[in-house]
Amino acid sequence: MAPAGLWGLEFGHTGIYYSTSSIIEAPGFTNSRLIPVSGYKVFTGTVLQYVSAATQSQRDSAANYAFNSMRNRPYNYNFAINRIINGPVNCSQLVWVAYVVTTKFDIDSNRGSSVFPFDIRSSSYTITYKAI
């Protein structure tokens, strides 16, 4: 999860590693996409995490699902109700959907009507392995 905000509100940003050299994200104002890690701007406060309850095979399945089924989806501007599997996606929704569909792990810590990057960062399923 990386720091990100708009209009003075901090809400974070998240993506999912597809490989050691690429990340799938929904950056806002554009479709979800695959980007090279080398071109990703990392801000102070970024944390790198993994889903501890998932096996490496399950984490790979989530990344493959994001790549094959969610890449190029339009951006979802509805942050209030984004716990939806199909349709447009925003950044935290993309990661959440990939894990719910492939592993059945609900990595949204508060399981409210929406999932935000902070919900994923705070999930009992996620472990921070590096803080930048």
C-alpha atoms as a PDB file:
ATOM      1  CA  MET A   1       0.000   0.000   0.000  1.00  0.00           C
ATOM      2  CA  ALA A   2       1.275   3.429  -0.920  1.00  0.00           C
ATOM      3  CA  PRO A   3       0.246   6.842   0.386  1.00  0.00           C
ATOM      4  CA  ALA A   4      -2.164   8.630  -1.931  1.00  0.00           C
ATOM      5  CA  GLY A   5      -4.826  11.232  -1.499  1.00  0.00           C
ATOM      6  CA  LEU A   6      -7.087  13.775  -3.076  1.00  0.00           C
ATOM      7  CA  TRP A   7      -8.542  17.023  -1.778  1.00  0.00           C
ATOM      8  CA  GLY A   8      -6.610  16.678   1.485  1.00  0.00           C
ATOM      9  CA  LEU A   9      -7.953  13.188   2.216  1.00  0.00           C
ATOM     10  CA  GLU A  10      -5.481  10.319   2.640  1.00  0.00           C
ATOM     11  CA  PHE A  11      -6.873   7.019   1.389  1.00  0.00           C
ATOM     12  CA  GLY A  12      -3.871   5.128   0.016  1.00  0.00           C
ATOM     13  CA  HIS A  13      -3.202   3.165  -3.154  1.00  0.00           C
ATOM     14  CA  THR A  14      -2.660  -0.548  -3.707  1.00  0.00           C
ATOM     15  CA  GLY A  15      -1.811  -3.002  -6.457  1.00  0.00           C
ATOM     16  CA  ILE A  16      -0.878  -6.635  -6.851  1.00  0.00           C
ATOM     17  CA  TYR A  17       2.457  -7.994  -8.034  1.00  0.00           C
ATOM     18  CA  TYR A  18       1.989 -10.058 -11.180  1.00  0.00           C
ATOM     19  CA  SER A  19       5.675 -10.918 -11.294  1.00  0.00           C
ATOM     20  CA  THR A  20       8.858  -9.638  -9.695  1.00  0.00           C
ATOM     21  CA  SER A  21       9.031  -7.047 -12.454  1.00  0.00           C
ATOM     22  CA  SER A  22       5.381  -5.971 -12.911  1.00  0.00           C
ATOM     23  CA  ILE A  23       2.375  -4.773 -10.913  1.00  0.00           C
ATOM     24  CA  ILE A  24      -1.315  -4.694 -11.821  1.00  0.00           C
ATOM     25  CA  GLU A  25      -3.063  -1.588 -10.568  1.00  0.00           C
ATOM     26  CA  ALA A  26      -6.111   0.576 -11.115  1.00  0.00           C
ATOM     27  CA  PRO A  27      -4.458   3.991 -10.925  1.00  0.00           C
ATOM     28  CA  GLY A  28      -7.530   6.173 -11.229  1.00  0.00           C
ATOM     29  CA  PHE A  29      -8.772   8.122 -14.220  1.00  0.00           C
ATOM     30  CA  THR A  30      -7.716   5.255 -16.488  1.00  0.00           C
ATOM     31  CA  ASN A  31      -8.278   1.531 -16.940  1.00  0.00           C
ATOM     32  CA  SER A  32      -6.543  -1.011 -14.720  1.00  0.00           C
ATOM     33  CA  ARG A  33      -3.188  -1.882 -16.190  1.00  0.00           C
ATOM     34  CA  LEU A  34       0.062  -3.787 -15.929  1.00  0.00           C
ATOM     35  CA  ILE A  35       3.069  -1.582 -15.220  1.00  0.00           C
ATOM     36  CA  PRO A  36       6.768  -2.321 -14.774  1.00  0.00           C
ATOM     37  CA  VAL A  37       8.037  -2.177 -11.190  1.00  0.00           C
ATOM     38  CA  SER A  38      10.975  -0.106 -12.438  1.00  0.00           C
ATOM     39  CA  GLY A  39       8.560   2.608 -13.589  1.00  0.00           C
ATOM     40  CA  TYR A  40       6.510   2.647 -10.398  1.00  0.00           C
ATOM     41  CA  LYS A  41       7.032   5.725  -8.242  1.00  0.00           C
ATOM     42  CA  VAL A  42       7.416   4.602  -4.628  1.00  0.00           C
ATOM     43  CA  PHE A  43       6.608   7.122  -1.907  1.00  0.00           C
ATOM     44  CA  THR A  44       7.802   7.222   1.687  1.00  0.00           C
ATOM     45  CA  GLY A  45       5.197   5.406   3.765  1.00  0.00           C
ATOM     46  CA  THR A  46       4.693   2.616   1.233  1.00  0.00           C
ATOM     47  CA  VAL A  47       4.412  -0.872   2.690  1.00  0.00           C
ATOM     48  CA  LEU A  48       4.923  -4.132   0.822  1.00  0.00           C
ATOM     49  CA  GLN A  49       2.689  -6.950   2.027  1.00  0.00           C
ATOM     50  CA  TYR A  50       1.646 -10.486   1.259  1.00  0.00           C
ATOM     51  CA  VAL A  51      -1.458 -12.465   2.171  1.00  0.00           C
ATOM     52  CA  SER A  52      -0.134 -14.766   4.888  1.00  0.00           C
ATOM     53  CA  ALA A  53      -3.127 -17.118   4.930  1.00  0.00           C
ATOM     54  CA  ALA A  54      -2.579 -17.903   1.246  1.00  0.00           C
ATOM     55  CA  THR A  55      -0.029 -20.334  -0.120  1.00  0.00           C
ATOM     56  CA  GLN A  56       2.368 -19.123  -2.800  1.00  0.00           C
ATOM     57  CA  SER A  57       0.251 -21.020  -5.328  1.00  0.00           C
ATOM     58  CA  GLN A  58      -2.863 -19.155  -4.168  1.00  0.00           C
ATOM     59  CA  ARG A  59      -1.053 -15.795  -4.308  1.00  0.00           C
ATOM     60  CA  ASP A  60       0.044 -16.665  -7.861  1.00  0.00           C
ATOM     61  CA  SER A  61      -3.577 -17.541  -8.729  1.00  0.00           C
ATOM     62  CA  ALA A  62      -4.771 -14.165  -7.415  1.00  0.00           C
ATOM     63  CA  ALA A  63      -2.136 -12.363  -9.493  1.00  0.00           C
ATOM     64  CA  ASN A  64      -3.012 -14.418 -12.590  1.00  0.00           C
ATOM     65  CA  TYR A  65      -6.713 -13.674 -12.092  1.00  0.00           C
ATOM     66  CA  ALA A  66      -5.959  -9.956 -11.824  1.00  0.00           C
ATOM     67  CA  PHE A  67      -3.858 -10.135 -14.994  1.00  0.00           C
ATOM     68  CA  ASN A  68      -6.248 -12.286 -17.059  1.00  0.00           C
ATOM     69  CA  SER A  69      -9.644 -11.107 -15.816  1.00  0.00           C
ATOM     70  CA  MET A  70      -9.246  -7.611 -14.412  1.00  0.00           C
ATOM     71  CA  ARG A  71      -6.594  -5.903 -16.501  1.00  0.00           C
ATOM     72  CA  ASN A  72      -8.023  -3.168 -18.719  1.00  0.00           C
ATOM     73  CA  ARG A  73     -11.286  -2.889 -16.769  1.00  0.00           C
ATOM     74  CA  PRO A  74     -12.565   0.684 -16.555  1.00  0.00           C
ATOM     75  CA  TYR A  75     -11.957   2.624 -13.343  1.00  0.00           C
ATOM     76  CA  ASN A  76     -14.629   2.497 -10.624  1.00  0.00           C
ATOM     77  CA  TYR A  77     -15.289   5.946  -9.140  1.00  0.00           C
ATOM     78  CA  ASN A  78     -17.817   4.603  -6.628  1.00  0.00           C
ATOM     79  CA  PHE A  79     -15.687   4.243  -3.506  1.00  0.00           C
ATOM     80  CA  ALA A  80     -18.677   4.014  -1.142  1.00  0.00           C
ATOM     81  CA  ILE A  81     -19.905   0.673  -2.488  1.00  0.00           C
ATOM     82  CA  ASN A  82     -17.080  -1.201  -4.194  1.00  0.00           C
ATOM     83  CA  ARG A  83     -17.307  -4.730  -2.764  1.00  0.00           C
ATOM     84  CA  ILE A  84     -18.525  -5.881  -6.179  1.00  0.00           C
ATOM     85  CA  ILE A  85     -16.873  -8.666  -8.187  1.00  0.00           C
ATOM     86  CA  ASN A  86     -17.819  -7.638 -11.748  1.00  0.00           C
ATOM     87  CA  GLY A  87     -17.583  -4.371 -13.613  1.00  0.00           C
ATOM     88  CA  PRO A  88     -15.250  -1.415 -13.205  1.00  0.00           C
ATOM     89  CA  VAL A  89     -12.583  -1.574 -10.463  1.00  0.00           C
ATOM     90  CA  ASN A  90     -10.591   0.789  -8.301  1.00  0.00           C
ATOM     91  CA  CYS A  91      -7.223  -0.114  -6.791  1.00  0.00           C
ATOM     92  CA  SER A  92      -8.291  -1.787  -3.550  1.00  0.00           C
ATOM     93  CA  GLN A  93     -11.257  -3.450  -5.226  1.00  0.00           C
ATOM     94  CA  LEU A  94      -8.915  -5.031  -7.786  1.00  0.00           C
ATOM     95  CA  VAL A  95      -6.761  -6.643  -5.070  1.00  0.00           C
ATOM     96  CA  TRP A  96      -9.781  -7.637  -2.960  1.00  0.00           C
ATOM     97  CA  VAL A  97     -11.616  -9.240  -5.914  1.00  0.00           C
ATOM     98  CA  ALA A  98      -8.520 -11.175  -7.018  1.00  0.00           C
ATOM     99  CA  TYR A  99      -8.239 -12.768  -3.568  1.00  0.00           C
ATOM    100  CA  VAL A 100     -11.950 -13.327  -2.934  1.00  0.00           C
ATOM    101  CA  VAL A 101     -12.454 -15.045  -6.282  1.00  0.00           C
ATOM    102  CA  THR A 102      -9.349 -17.240  -6.207  1.00  0.00           C
ATOM    103  CA  THR A 103      -8.818 -17.982  -2.499  1.00  0.00           C
ATOM    104  CA  LYS A 104     -12.119 -17.040  -0.797  1.00  0.00           C
ATOM    105  CA  PHE A 105     -10.065 -14.925   1.676  1.00  0.00           C
ATOM    106  CA  ASP A 106     -11.865 -11.642   2.392  1.00  0.00           C
ATOM    107  CA  ILE A 107      -8.869  -9.360   2.920  1.00  0.00           C
ATOM    108  CA  ASP A 108     -11.099  -6.350   3.750  1.00  0.00           C
ATOM    109  CA  SER A 109     -10.430  -5.815   7.474  1.00  0.00           C
ATOM    110  CA  ASN A 110     -13.773  -4.212   8.343  1.00  0.00           C
ATOM    111  CA  ARG A 111     -15.975  -5.949   5.747  1.00  0.00           C
ATOM    112  CA  GLY A 112     -18.081  -2.833   5.286  1.00  0.00           C
ATOM    113  CA  SER A 113     -19.788  -1.759   2.066  1.00  0.00           C
ATOM    114  CA  SER A 114     -16.460  -0.635   0.635  1.00  0.00           C
ATOM    115  CA  VAL A 115     -12.863  -1.814   0.668  1.00  0.00           C
ATOM    116  CA  PHE A 116     -10.082   0.762   0.843  1.00  0.00           C
ATOM    117  CA  PRO A 117      -6.284   0.305   0.728  1.00  0.00           C
ATOM    118  CA  PHE A 118      -6.137   0.869   4.495  1.00  0.00           C
ATOM    119  CA  ASP A 119      -8.630  -1.981   4.972  1.00  0.00           C
ATOM    120  CA  ILE A 120      -6.284  -4.330   3.125  1.00  0.00           C
ATOM    121  CA  ARG A 121      -3.223  -3.029   4.975  1.00  0.00           C
ATOM    122  CA  SER A 122      -5.013  -3.626   8.313  1.00  0.00           C
ATOM    123  CA  SER A 123      -6.358  -7.076   7.413  1.00  0.00           C
ATOM    124  CA  SER A 124      -5.500  -9.988   9.690  1.00  0.00           C
ATOM    125  CA  TYR A 125      -4.657 -11.845   6.456  1.00  0.00           C
ATOM    126  CA  THR A 126      -1.881  -9.457   5.382  1.00  0.00           C
ATOM    127  CA  ILE A 127       1.688  -9.241   6.655  1.00  0.00           C
ATOM    128  CA  THR A 128       4.000  -6.291   6.011  1.00  0.00           C
ATOM    129  CA  TYR A 129       7.431  -7.495   4.960  1.00  0.00           C
ATOM    130  CA  LYS A 130       8.942  -4.148   4.001  1.00  0.00           C
ATOM    131  CA  ALA A 131       8.221  -0.520   4.840  1.00  0.00           C
ATOM    132  CA  ILE A 132       9.713   2.231   2.684  1.00  0.00           C
END
